[in-house]
Amino acid sequence: MTGPANLTPREREVLVLRAHGLTLAEVADRLGSSLSTASAQEHSAFLRLGVDCLVDALRAMGWLTPPELRPADEIQREATPQRTAGKV
């Protein structure tokens, strides 16, 4: 059985840190483990989620939604530069 509910707390923690842009080496340092342990935990999370890469893992967790699946107005807001009052 695959899916986010099957992740261990540590696997979830590794994915959260990776989602925040940390490298595996930074994750290992933050968690006080070795690089090989952090890598193994990430790989185990991938297996439990039924994915092959970090992007797919983040998508499976619901943390990454492809632009084509988001409302068009939300995408437009992100693409439009914000103007501050009094500035042109």
N, C-alpha and C. Protein backbone atom coordinates (compact mmCIF):
# COMPACT_ATOMS: atom_id res chain seq x y z
N MET A 1 0.84 -1.18 0.00
CA MET A 1 0.00 0.00 0.00
C MET A 1 0.89 1.25 0.00
N THR A 2 0.56 2.22 -0.84
CA THR A 2 1.35 3.43 -0.92
C THR A 2 0.51 4.64 -0.54
N GLY A 3 1.21 5.72 -0.19
CA GLY A 3 0.52 6.96 0.12
C GLY A 3 1.13 7.66 1.31
N PRO A 4 0.82 8.95 1.46
CA PRO A 4 1.39 9.76 2.53
C PRO A 4 1.15 9.21 3.94
N ALA A 5 0.01 8.56 4.15
CA ALA A 5 -0.31 8.03 5.47
C ALA A 5 0.65 6.93 5.92
N ASN A 6 1.35 6.33 4.96
CA ASN A 6 2.26 5.23 5.28
C ASN A 6 3.67 5.68 5.60
N LEU A 7 3.96 6.97 5.51
CA LEU A 7 5.30 7.45 5.81
C LEU A 7 5.58 7.43 7.30
N THR A 8 6.83 7.18 7.65
CA THR A 8 7.23 7.30 9.05
C THR A 8 7.39 8.78 9.36
N PRO A 9 7.36 9.15 10.63
CA PRO A 9 7.59 10.56 10.97
C PRO A 9 8.92 11.09 10.42
N ARG A 10 9.97 10.28 10.44
CA ARG A 10 11.27 10.73 9.94
C ARG A 10 11.26 10.90 8.43
N GLU A 11 10.61 9.99 7.72
CA GLU A 11 10.51 10.13 6.26
C GLU A 11 9.76 11.42 5.91
N ARG A 12 8.70 11.69 6.63
CA ARG A 12 7.93 12.92 6.40
C ARG A 12 8.80 14.14 6.70
N GLU A 13 9.57 14.08 7.77
CA GLU A 13 10.45 15.19 8.15
C GLU A 13 11.49 15.45 7.07
N VAL A 14 12.06 14.40 6.52
CA VAL A 14 13.03 14.54 5.44
C VAL A 14 12.38 15.22 4.24
N LEU A 15 11.18 14.80 3.88
CA LEU A 15 10.49 15.41 2.74
C LEU A 15 10.14 16.87 3.00
N VAL A 16 9.75 17.19 4.22
CA VAL A 16 9.44 18.59 4.56
C VAL A 16 10.68 19.46 4.37
N LEU A 17 11.81 18.99 4.87
CA LEU A 17 13.05 19.76 4.73
C LEU A 17 13.47 19.88 3.27
N ARG A 18 13.31 18.80 2.51
CA ARG A 18 13.63 18.84 1.09
C ARG A 18 12.69 19.80 0.36
N ALA A 19 11.42 19.83 0.76
CA ALA A 19 10.45 20.74 0.15
C ALA A 19 10.83 22.19 0.40
N HIS A 20 11.52 22.44 1.50
CA HIS A 20 11.98 23.79 1.84
C HIS A 20 13.30 24.13 1.16
N GLY A 21 13.78 23.23 0.30
CA GLY A 21 14.96 23.52 -0.50
C GLY A 21 16.28 23.04 0.05
N LEU A 22 16.28 22.31 1.16
CA LEU A 22 17.53 21.81 1.70
C LEU A 22 18.05 20.65 0.87
N THR A 23 19.37 20.57 0.74
CA THR A 23 19.99 19.42 0.09
C THR A 23 19.96 18.25 1.06
N LEU A 24 20.24 17.06 0.56
CA LEU A 24 20.30 15.90 1.46
C LEU A 24 21.38 16.08 2.52
N ALA A 25 22.51 16.68 2.14
CA ALA A 25 23.57 16.92 3.12
C ALA A 25 23.09 17.87 4.22
N GLU A 26 22.34 18.89 3.84
CA GLU A 26 21.80 19.83 4.83
C GLU A 26 20.74 19.17 5.71
N VAL A 27 19.94 18.30 5.10
CA VAL A 27 18.93 17.55 5.86
C VAL A 27 19.64 16.67 6.90
N ALA A 28 20.66 15.96 6.47
CA ALA A 28 21.40 15.09 7.39
C ALA A 28 21.98 15.90 8.54
N ASP A 29 22.56 17.04 8.23
CA ASP A 29 23.13 17.89 9.28
C ASP A 29 22.05 18.37 10.24
N ARG A 30 20.93 18.81 9.69
CA ARG A 30 19.83 19.32 10.52
C ARG A 30 19.26 18.25 11.44
N LEU A 31 19.20 17.00 10.93
CA LEU A 31 18.61 15.91 11.71
C LEU A 31 19.64 15.14 12.54
N GLY A 32 20.92 15.51 12.40
CA GLY A 32 21.96 14.84 13.16
C GLY A 32 22.21 13.42 12.71
N SER A 33 22.05 13.19 11.41
CA SER A 33 22.29 11.85 10.88
C SER A 33 23.33 11.94 9.77
N SER A 34 23.68 10.79 9.22
CA SER A 34 24.65 10.77 8.12
C SER A 34 23.94 11.04 6.80
N LEU A 35 24.71 11.40 5.81
CA LEU A 35 24.16 11.62 4.47
C LEU A 35 23.52 10.34 3.94
N SER A 36 24.16 9.21 4.18
CA SER A 36 23.61 7.95 3.67
C SER A 36 22.27 7.61 4.35
N THR A 37 22.14 7.96 5.64
CA THR A 37 20.87 7.71 6.34
C THR A 37 19.78 8.61 5.79
N ALA A 38 20.09 9.89 5.58
CA ALA A 38 19.10 10.82 5.03
C ALA A 38 18.68 10.37 3.63
N SER A 39 19.65 9.94 2.84
CA SER A 39 19.35 9.46 1.49
C SER A 39 18.47 8.22 1.54
N ALA A 40 18.76 7.31 2.45
CA ALA A 40 17.97 6.08 2.59
C ALA A 40 16.54 6.41 3.04
N GLN A 41 16.39 7.38 3.92
CA GLN A 41 15.06 7.77 4.38
C GLN A 41 14.26 8.41 3.25
N GLU A 42 14.93 9.23 2.44
CA GLU A 42 14.25 9.83 1.29
C GLU A 42 13.82 8.73 0.31
N HIS A 43 14.73 7.81 0.02
CA HIS A 43 14.43 6.71 -0.91
C HIS A 43 13.26 5.86 -0.38
N SER A 44 13.27 5.60 0.91
CA SER A 44 12.18 4.83 1.51
C SER A 44 10.85 5.57 1.37
N ALA A 45 10.88 6.88 1.54
CA ALA A 45 9.66 7.69 1.37
C ALA A 45 9.18 7.59 -0.07
N PHE A 46 10.12 7.64 -1.03
CA PHE A 46 9.74 7.51 -2.44
C PHE A 46 9.04 6.18 -2.68
N LEU A 47 9.60 5.11 -2.13
CA LEU A 47 9.00 3.78 -2.31
C LEU A 47 7.60 3.72 -1.72
N ARG A 48 7.44 4.27 -0.52
CA ARG A 48 6.13 4.25 0.14
C ARG A 48 5.10 5.09 -0.62
N LEU A 49 5.59 6.14 -1.29
CA LEU A 49 4.69 6.99 -2.07
C LEU A 49 4.47 6.48 -3.49
N GLY A 50 5.30 5.51 -3.89
CA GLY A 50 5.19 4.97 -5.24
C GLY A 50 5.70 5.92 -6.31
N VAL A 51 6.76 6.68 -5.97
CA VAL A 51 7.33 7.66 -6.90
C VAL A 51 8.82 7.41 -7.07
N ASP A 52 9.40 8.12 -8.06
CA ASP A 52 10.81 7.94 -8.36
C ASP A 52 11.67 9.17 -8.09
N CYS A 53 11.06 10.32 -7.80
CA CYS A 53 11.86 11.53 -7.64
C CYS A 53 11.19 12.48 -6.64
N LEU A 54 11.96 13.47 -6.23
CA LEU A 54 11.49 14.42 -5.23
C LEU A 54 10.26 15.20 -5.71
N VAL A 55 10.27 15.66 -6.94
CA VAL A 55 9.13 16.44 -7.44
C VAL A 55 7.85 15.61 -7.36
N ASP A 56 7.93 14.35 -7.77
CA ASP A 56 6.75 13.49 -7.70
C ASP A 56 6.34 13.21 -6.25
N ALA A 57 7.32 13.11 -5.36
CA ALA A 57 7.01 12.91 -3.94
C ALA A 57 6.28 14.12 -3.38
N LEU A 58 6.75 15.31 -3.70
CA LEU A 58 6.09 16.53 -3.21
C LEU A 58 4.68 16.64 -3.78
N ARG A 59 4.52 16.24 -5.03
CA ARG A 59 3.19 16.23 -5.64
C ARG A 59 2.29 15.22 -4.94
N ALA A 60 2.82 14.03 -4.64
CA ALA A 60 2.04 12.99 -3.97
C ALA A 60 1.61 13.43 -2.57
N MET A 61 2.43 14.26 -1.94
CA MET A 61 2.10 14.77 -0.61
C MET A 61 1.07 15.90 -0.68
N GLY A 62 0.82 16.39 -1.89
CA GLY A 62 -0.11 17.49 -2.05
C GLY A 62 0.54 18.84 -1.82
N TRP A 63 1.86 18.86 -1.80
CA TRP A 63 2.61 20.10 -1.55
C TRP A 63 3.02 20.79 -2.83
N LEU A 64 2.79 20.17 -3.95
CA LEU A 64 3.18 20.74 -5.23
C LEU A 64 2.06 20.45 -6.22
N THR A 65 1.40 21.49 -6.65
CA THR A 65 0.31 21.33 -7.59
C THR A 65 0.73 21.89 -8.94
N PRO A 66 0.67 21.11 -9.98
CA PRO A 66 1.04 21.62 -11.30
C PRO A 66 0.19 22.84 -11.65
N PRO A 67 0.79 23.83 -12.30
CA PRO A 67 0.04 25.04 -12.64
C PRO A 67 -1.25 24.77 -13.39
N GLU A 68 -1.26 23.75 -14.24
CA GLU A 68 -2.46 23.50 -15.02
C GLU A 68 -3.63 23.00 -14.16
N LEU A 69 -3.36 22.62 -12.91
CA LEU A 69 -4.42 22.15 -12.02
C LEU A 69 -4.86 23.22 -11.03
N ARG A 70 -4.20 24.38 -11.06
CA ARG A 70 -4.56 25.46 -10.15
C ARG A 70 -5.48 26.44 -10.88
N PRO A 71 -6.31 27.16 -10.12
CA PRO A 71 -7.20 28.14 -10.77
C PRO A 71 -6.39 29.18 -11.55
N ALA A 72 -6.89 29.55 -12.72
CA ALA A 72 -6.19 30.49 -13.59
C ALA A 72 -5.94 31.83 -12.90
N ASP A 73 -6.89 32.31 -12.08
CA ASP A 73 -6.70 33.60 -11.42
C ASP A 73 -5.56 33.55 -10.41
N GLU A 74 -5.35 32.42 -9.78
CA GLU A 74 -4.24 32.26 -8.84
C GLU A 74 -2.91 32.33 -9.58
N ILE A 75 -2.83 31.68 -10.73
CA ILE A 75 -1.60 31.70 -11.53
C ILE A 75 -1.34 33.12 -12.02
N GLN A 76 -2.39 33.81 -12.44
CA GLN A 76 -2.23 35.17 -12.94
C GLN A 76 -1.73 36.09 -11.83
N ARG A 77 -2.25 35.95 -10.62
CA ARG A 77 -1.78 36.78 -9.49
C ARG A 77 -0.30 36.58 -9.25
N GLU A 78 0.16 35.34 -9.33
CA GLU A 78 1.58 35.06 -9.12
C GLU A 78 2.45 35.64 -10.23
N ALA A 79 1.91 35.70 -11.44
CA ALA A 79 2.69 36.17 -12.58
C ALA A 79 2.67 37.68 -12.74
N THR A 80 1.73 38.36 -12.07
CA THR A 80 1.60 39.80 -12.20
C THR A 80 2.39 40.49 -11.10
N PRO A 81 3.31 41.41 -11.47
CA PRO A 81 4.06 42.15 -10.45
C PRO A 81 3.11 42.96 -9.58
N GLN A 82 3.37 42.96 -8.31
CA GLN A 82 2.56 43.71 -7.36
C GLN A 82 3.02 45.16 -7.32
N ARG A 83 2.09 46.07 -7.38
CA ARG A 83 2.41 47.49 -7.28
C ARG A 83 2.09 47.95 -5.87
N THR A 84 2.95 48.77 -5.34
CA THR A 84 2.70 49.33 -4.02
C THR A 84 2.10 50.70 -4.17
N ALA A 85 1.31 51.11 -3.20
CA ALA A 85 0.63 52.40 -3.25
C ALA A 85 1.64 53.53 -3.39
N GLY A 86 1.35 54.47 -4.28
CA GLY A 86 2.20 55.63 -4.44
C GLY A 86 3.35 55.43 -5.40
N LYS A 87 3.57 54.21 -5.88
CA LYS A 87 4.66 53.94 -6.82
C LYS A 87 4.06 53.56 -8.16
N VAL A 88 4.72 53.97 -9.20
CA VAL A 88 4.25 53.66 -10.55
C VAL A 88 5.18 52.67 -11.20
